[in-house]
Amino acid sequence: MSLTSRYRALIDQANQAKDRQTCFYYLKQAEKLLQTQSPDQYGIQPVASMVSRSRIQQAA
């Protein structure tokens, strides 16, 4: 399975998640996948860096 297909599968699972916790779990897994496979090529930023810490706590 290629990097792209593994990434897309994780994003699809995040989109199908019934709750935020599950969604964020799959997003973090996708982020980790890209960071470990080719961080320089993708210039990945953590998902949580796009959202303020207080917003994440409010969502929970």
PDB file of N, CA and C in Angstrom:
ATOM      1  N   MET A   1       0.861  -1.176   0.000  1.00  0.00           N
ATOM      2  CA  MET A   1       0.000   0.000   0.000  1.00  0.00           C
ATOM      3  C   MET A   1       0.906   1.238   0.000  1.00  0.00           C
ATOM      4  N   SER A   2       0.641   2.147  -0.890  1.00  0.00           N
ATOM      5  CA  SER A   2       1.471   3.347  -1.002  1.00  0.00           C
ATOM      6  C   SER A   2       1.171   4.337   0.119  1.00  0.00           C
ATOM      7  N   LEU A   3       2.073   5.278   0.288  1.00  0.00           N
ATOM      8  CA  LEU A   3       1.893   6.320   1.299  1.00  0.00           C
ATOM      9  C   LEU A   3       0.595   7.077   1.055  1.00  0.00           C
ATOM     10  N   THR A   4       0.332   7.419  -0.188  1.00  0.00           N
ATOM     11  CA  THR A   4      -0.878   8.167  -0.523  1.00  0.00           C
ATOM     12  C   THR A   4      -2.134   7.386  -0.162  1.00  0.00           C
ATOM     13  N   SER A   5      -2.167   6.113  -0.486  1.00  0.00           N
ATOM     14  CA  SER A   5      -3.369   5.325  -0.195  1.00  0.00           C
ATOM     15  C   SER A   5      -3.547   5.110   1.306  1.00  0.00           C
ATOM     16  N   ARG A   6      -2.450   4.926   2.046  1.00  0.00           N
ATOM     17  CA  ARG A   6      -2.567   4.798   3.506  1.00  0.00           C
ATOM     18  C   ARG A   6      -3.067   6.099   4.114  1.00  0.00           C
ATOM     19  N   TYR A   7      -2.531   7.232   3.623  1.00  0.00           N
ATOM     20  CA  TYR A   7      -2.946   8.544   4.123  1.00  0.00           C
ATOM     21  C   TYR A   7      -4.432   8.775   3.829  1.00  0.00           C
ATOM     22  N   ARG A   8      -4.837   8.510   2.605  1.00  0.00           N
ATOM     23  CA  ARG A   8      -6.245   8.707   2.225  1.00  0.00           C
ATOM     24  C   ARG A   8      -7.177   7.821   3.035  1.00  0.00           C
ATOM     25  N   ALA A   9      -6.756   6.594   3.316  1.00  0.00           N
ATOM     26  CA  ALA A   9      -7.579   5.687   4.121  1.00  0.00           C
ATOM     27  C   ALA A   9      -7.782   6.254   5.526  1.00  0.00           C
ATOM     28  N   LEU A  10      -6.724   6.808   6.112  1.00  0.00           N
ATOM     29  CA  LEU A  10      -6.845   7.402   7.446  1.00  0.00           C
ATOM     30  C   LEU A  10      -7.743   8.633   7.424  1.00  0.00           C
ATOM     31  N   ILE A  11      -7.610   9.464   6.394  1.00  0.00           N
ATOM     32  CA  ILE A  11      -8.448  10.658   6.280  1.00  0.00           C
ATOM     33  C   ILE A  11      -9.908  10.257   6.063  1.00  0.00           C
ATOM     34  N   ASP A  12     -10.138   9.222   5.272  1.00  0.00           N
ATOM     35  CA  ASP A  12     -11.509   8.727   5.076  1.00  0.00           C
ATOM     36  C   ASP A  12     -12.109   8.244   6.394  1.00  0.00           C
ATOM     37  N   GLN A  13     -11.300   7.543   7.186  1.00  0.00           N
ATOM     38  CA  GLN A  13     -11.789   7.082   8.483  1.00  0.00           C
ATOM     39  C   GLN A  13     -12.101   8.267   9.393  1.00  0.00           C
ATOM     40  N   ALA A  14     -11.281   9.304   9.338  1.00  0.00           N
ATOM     41  CA  ALA A  14     -11.544  10.508  10.137  1.00  0.00           C
ATOM     42  C   ALA A  14     -12.857  11.148   9.702  1.00  0.00           C
ATOM     43  N   ASN A  15     -13.090  11.211   8.399  1.00  0.00           N
ATOM     44  CA  ASN A  15     -14.327  11.807   7.887  1.00  0.00           C
ATOM     45  C   ASN A  15     -15.565  11.008   8.276  1.00  0.00           C
ATOM     46  N   GLN A  16     -15.412   9.713   8.442  1.00  0.00           N
ATOM     47  CA  GLN A  16     -16.545   8.858   8.781  1.00  0.00           C
ATOM     48  C   GLN A  16     -16.750   8.702  10.287  1.00  0.00           C
ATOM     49  N   ALA A  17     -15.854   9.276  11.071  1.00  0.00           N
ATOM     50  CA  ALA A  17     -15.936   9.134  12.531  1.00  0.00           C
ATOM     51  C   ALA A  17     -17.233   9.730  13.062  1.00  0.00           C
ATOM     52  N   LYS A  18     -17.767   9.089  14.059  1.00  0.00           N
ATOM     53  CA  LYS A  18     -19.027   9.527  14.656  1.00  0.00           C
ATOM     54  C   LYS A  18     -18.827  10.571  15.753  1.00  0.00           C
ATOM     55  N   ASP A  19     -17.592  10.688  16.249  1.00  0.00           N
ATOM     56  CA  ASP A  19     -17.327  11.662  17.306  1.00  0.00           C
ATOM     57  C   ASP A  19     -15.971  12.338  17.069  1.00  0.00           C
ATOM     58  N   ARG A  20     -15.763  13.435  17.751  1.00  0.00           N
ATOM     59  CA  ARG A  20     -14.546  14.232  17.555  1.00  0.00           C
ATOM     60  C   ARG A  20     -13.293  13.504  18.000  1.00  0.00           C
ATOM     61  N   GLN A  21     -13.406  12.764  19.073  1.00  0.00           N
ATOM     62  CA  GLN A  21     -12.237  12.066  19.595  1.00  0.00           C
ATOM     63  C   GLN A  21     -11.712  11.063  18.565  1.00  0.00           C
ATOM     64  N   THR A  22     -12.601  10.320  17.959  1.00  0.00           N
ATOM     65  CA  THR A  22     -12.214   9.353  16.940  1.00  0.00           C
ATOM     66  C   THR A  22     -11.668  10.065  15.711  1.00  0.00           C
ATOM     67  N   CYS A  23     -12.305  11.151  15.330  1.00  0.00           N
ATOM     68  CA  CYS A  23     -11.850  11.935  14.186  1.00  0.00           C
ATOM     69  C   CYS A  23     -10.419  12.424  14.406  1.00  0.00           C
ATOM     70  N   PHE A  24     -10.163  13.032  15.565  1.00  0.00           N
ATOM     71  CA  PHE A  24      -8.822  13.529  15.856  1.00  0.00           C
ATOM     72  C   PHE A  24      -7.807  12.395  15.941  1.00  0.00           C
ATOM     73  N   TYR A  25      -8.231  11.229  16.408  1.00  0.00           N
ATOM     74  CA  TYR A  25      -7.332  10.077  16.461  1.00  0.00           C
ATOM     75  C   TYR A  25      -6.817   9.749  15.053  1.00  0.00           C
ATOM     76  N   TYR A  26      -7.730   9.645  14.098  1.00  0.00           N
ATOM     77  CA  TYR A  26      -7.323   9.309  12.735  1.00  0.00           C
ATOM     78  C   TYR A  26      -6.528  10.435  12.079  1.00  0.00           C
ATOM     79  N   LEU A  27      -6.865  11.677  12.386  1.00  0.00           N
ATOM     80  CA  LEU A  27      -6.084  12.797  11.857  1.00  0.00           C
ATOM     81  C   LEU A  27      -4.656  12.763  12.394  1.00  0.00           C
ATOM     82  N   LYS A  28      -4.505  12.462  13.672  1.00  0.00           N
ATOM     83  CA  LYS A  28      -3.168  12.367  14.269  1.00  0.00           C
ATOM     84  C   LYS A  28      -2.390  11.202  13.664  1.00  0.00           C
ATOM     85  N   GLN A  29      -3.074  10.089  13.392  1.00  0.00           N
ATOM     86  CA  GLN A  29      -2.407   8.950  12.768  1.00  0.00           C
ATOM     87  C   GLN A  29      -1.923   9.313  11.361  1.00  0.00           C
ATOM     88  N   ALA A  30      -2.747  10.040  10.619  1.00  0.00           N
ATOM     89  CA  ALA A  30      -2.365  10.479   9.275  1.00  0.00           C
ATOM     90  C   ALA A  30      -1.182  11.440   9.345  1.00  0.00           C
ATOM     91  N   GLU A  31      -1.223  12.347  10.307  1.00  0.00           N
ATOM     92  CA  GLU A  31      -0.127  13.296  10.500  1.00  0.00           C
ATOM     93  C   GLU A  31       1.170  12.555  10.820  1.00  0.00           C
ATOM     94  N   LYS A  32       1.086  11.584  11.735  1.00  0.00           N
ATOM     95  CA  LYS A  32       2.262  10.798  12.117  1.00  0.00           C
ATOM     96  C   LYS A  32       2.828  10.043  10.921  1.00  0.00           C
ATOM     97  N   LEU A  33       1.937   9.491  10.117  1.00  0.00           N
ATOM     98  CA  LEU A  33       2.356   8.753   8.934  1.00  0.00           C
ATOM     99  C   LEU A  33       3.187   9.637   8.012  1.00  0.00           C
ATOM    100  N   LEU A  34       2.702  10.829   7.730  1.00  0.00           N
ATOM    101  CA  LEU A  34       3.439  11.733   6.853  1.00  0.00           C
ATOM    102  C   LEU A  34       4.748  12.190   7.481  1.00  0.00           C
ATOM    103  N   GLN A  35       4.734  12.470   8.768  1.00  0.00           N
ATOM    104  CA  GLN A  35       5.953  12.927   9.436  1.00  0.00           C
ATOM    105  C   GLN A  35       7.028  11.852   9.444  1.00  0.00           C
ATOM    106  N   THR A  36       6.644  10.615   9.647  1.00  0.00           N
ATOM    107  CA  THR A  36       7.643   9.552   9.710  1.00  0.00           C
ATOM    108  C   THR A  36       8.120   9.123   8.330  1.00  0.00           C
ATOM    109  N   GLN A  37       7.266   9.211   7.336  1.00  0.00           N
ATOM    110  CA  GLN A  37       7.630   8.752   5.999  1.00  0.00           C
ATOM    111  C   GLN A  37       8.441   9.774   5.210  1.00  0.00           C
ATOM    112  N   SER A  38       8.051  11.036   5.288  1.00  0.00           N
ATOM    113  CA  SER A  38       8.756  12.058   4.504  1.00  0.00           C
ATOM    114  C   SER A  38       8.440  13.460   5.017  1.00  0.00           C
ATOM    115  N   PRO A  39       8.907  13.797   6.209  1.00  0.00           N
ATOM    116  CA  PRO A  39       8.565  15.097   6.797  1.00  0.00           C
ATOM    117  C   PRO A  39       9.081  16.288   5.993  1.00  0.00           C
ATOM    118  N   ASP A  40      10.264  16.169   5.410  1.00  0.00           N
ATOM    119  CA  ASP A  40      10.828  17.291   4.653  1.00  0.00           C
ATOM    120  C   ASP A  40      10.062  17.546   3.363  1.00  0.00           C
ATOM    121  N   GLN A  41       9.639  16.483   2.734  1.00  0.00           N
ATOM    122  CA  GLN A  41       8.935  16.609   1.460  1.00  0.00           C
ATOM    123  C   GLN A  41       7.575  17.277   1.627  1.00  0.00           C
ATOM    124  N   TYR A  42       6.884  16.979   2.708  1.00  0.00           N
ATOM    125  CA  TYR A  42       5.527  17.474   2.874  1.00  0.00           C
ATOM    126  C   TYR A  42       5.420  18.730   3.708  1.00  0.00           C
ATOM    127  N   GLY A  43       6.454  19.065   4.480  1.00  0.00           N
ATOM    128  CA  GLY A  43       6.395  20.258   5.321  1.00  0.00           C
ATOM    129  C   GLY A  43       5.211  20.210   6.266  1.00  0.00           C
ATOM    130  N   ILE A  44       5.069  19.104   6.953  1.00  0.00           N
ATOM    131  CA  ILE A  44       3.891  18.855   7.778  1.00  0.00           C
ATOM    132  C   ILE A  44       3.924  19.656   9.068  1.00  0.00           C
ATOM    133  N   GLN A  45       2.781  20.217   9.412  1.00  0.00           N
ATOM    134  CA  GLN A  45       2.576  20.846  10.710  1.00  0.00           C
ATOM    135  C   GLN A  45       1.576  19.986  11.463  1.00  0.00           C
ATOM    136  N   PRO A  46       1.733  19.885  12.767  1.00  0.00           N
ATOM    137  CA  PRO A  46       0.763  19.102  13.529  1.00  0.00           C
ATOM    138  C   PRO A  46      -0.653  19.642  13.355  1.00  0.00           C
ATOM    139  N   VAL A  47      -1.616  18.752  13.345  1.00  0.00           N
ATOM    140  CA  VAL A  47      -3.019  19.136  13.210  1.00  0.00           C
ATOM    141  C   VAL A  47      -3.395  20.120  14.309  1.00  0.00           C
ATOM    142  N   ALA A  48      -2.966  19.833  15.519  1.00  0.00           N
ATOM    143  CA  ALA A  48      -3.323  20.676  16.658  1.00  0.00           C
ATOM    144  C   ALA A  48      -2.739  22.079  16.546  1.00  0.00           C
ATOM    145  N   SER A  49      -1.695  22.271  15.748  1.00  0.00           N
ATOM    146  CA  SER A  49      -1.107  23.608  15.627  1.00  0.00           C
ATOM    147  C   SER A  49      -2.014  24.550  14.839  1.00  0.00           C
ATOM    148  N   MET A  50      -2.953  23.988  14.092  1.00  0.00           N
ATOM    149  CA  MET A  50      -3.873  24.812  13.317  1.00  0.00           C
ATOM    150  C   MET A  50      -5.033  25.320  14.171  1.00  0.00           C
ATOM    151  N   VAL A  51      -5.209  24.694  15.319  1.00  0.00           N
ATOM    152  CA  VAL A  51      -6.307  25.042  16.213  1.00  0.00           C
ATOM    153  C   VAL A  51      -5.706  25.403  17.566  1.00  0.00           C
ATOM    154  N   SER A  52      -6.188  26.473  18.147  1.00  0.00           N
ATOM    155  CA  SER A  52      -5.650  26.876  19.445  1.00  0.00           C
ATOM    156  C   SER A  52      -5.983  25.836  20.512  1.00  0.00           C
ATOM    157  N   ARG A  53      -5.156  25.770  21.524  1.00  0.00           N
ATOM    158  CA  ARG A  53      -5.339  24.806  22.606  1.00  0.00           C
ATOM    159  C   ARG A  53      -6.694  24.994  23.294  1.00  0.00           C
ATOM    160  N   SER A  54      -7.107  26.247  23.468  1.00  0.00           N
ATOM    161  CA  SER A  54      -8.387  26.507  24.127  1.00  0.00           C
ATOM    162  C   SER A  54      -9.559  26.000  23.289  1.00  0.00           C
ATOM    163  N   ARG A  55      -9.433  26.075  21.962  1.00  0.00           N
ATOM    164  CA  ARG A  55     -10.497  25.574  21.079  1.00  0.00           C
ATOM    165  C   ARG A  55     -10.644  24.066  21.214  1.00  0.00           C
ATOM    166  N   ILE A  56      -9.513  23.368  21.319  1.00  0.00           N
ATOM    167  CA  ILE A  56      -9.556  21.913  21.461  1.00  0.00           C
ATOM    168  C   ILE A  56     -10.225  21.554  22.778  1.00  0.00           C
ATOM    169  N   GLN A  57      -9.880  22.274  23.840  1.00  0.00           N
ATOM    170  CA  GLN A  57     -10.480  22.000  25.140  1.00  0.00           C
ATOM    171  C   GLN A  57     -11.971  22.318  25.133  1.00  0.00           C
ATOM    172  N   GLN A  58     -12.377  23.378  24.434  1.00  0.00           N
ATOM    173  CA  GLN A  58     -13.795  23.722  24.341  1.00  0.00           C
ATOM    174  C   GLN A  58     -14.563  22.633  23.599  1.00  0.00           C
ATOM    175  N   ALA A  59     -13.937  22.060  22.568  1.00  0.00           N
ATOM    176  CA  ALA A  59     -14.595  21.032  21.766  1.00  0.00           C
ATOM    177  C   ALA A  59     -14.817  19.756  22.575  1.00  0.00           C
ATOM    178  N   ALA A  60     -13.914  19.504  23.493  1.00  0.00           N
ATOM    179  CA  ALA A  60     -14.029  18.286  24.316  1.00  0.00           C
ATOM    180  C   ALA A  60     -15.103  18.493  25.333  1.00  0.00           C
TER     181      ALA A  60
END
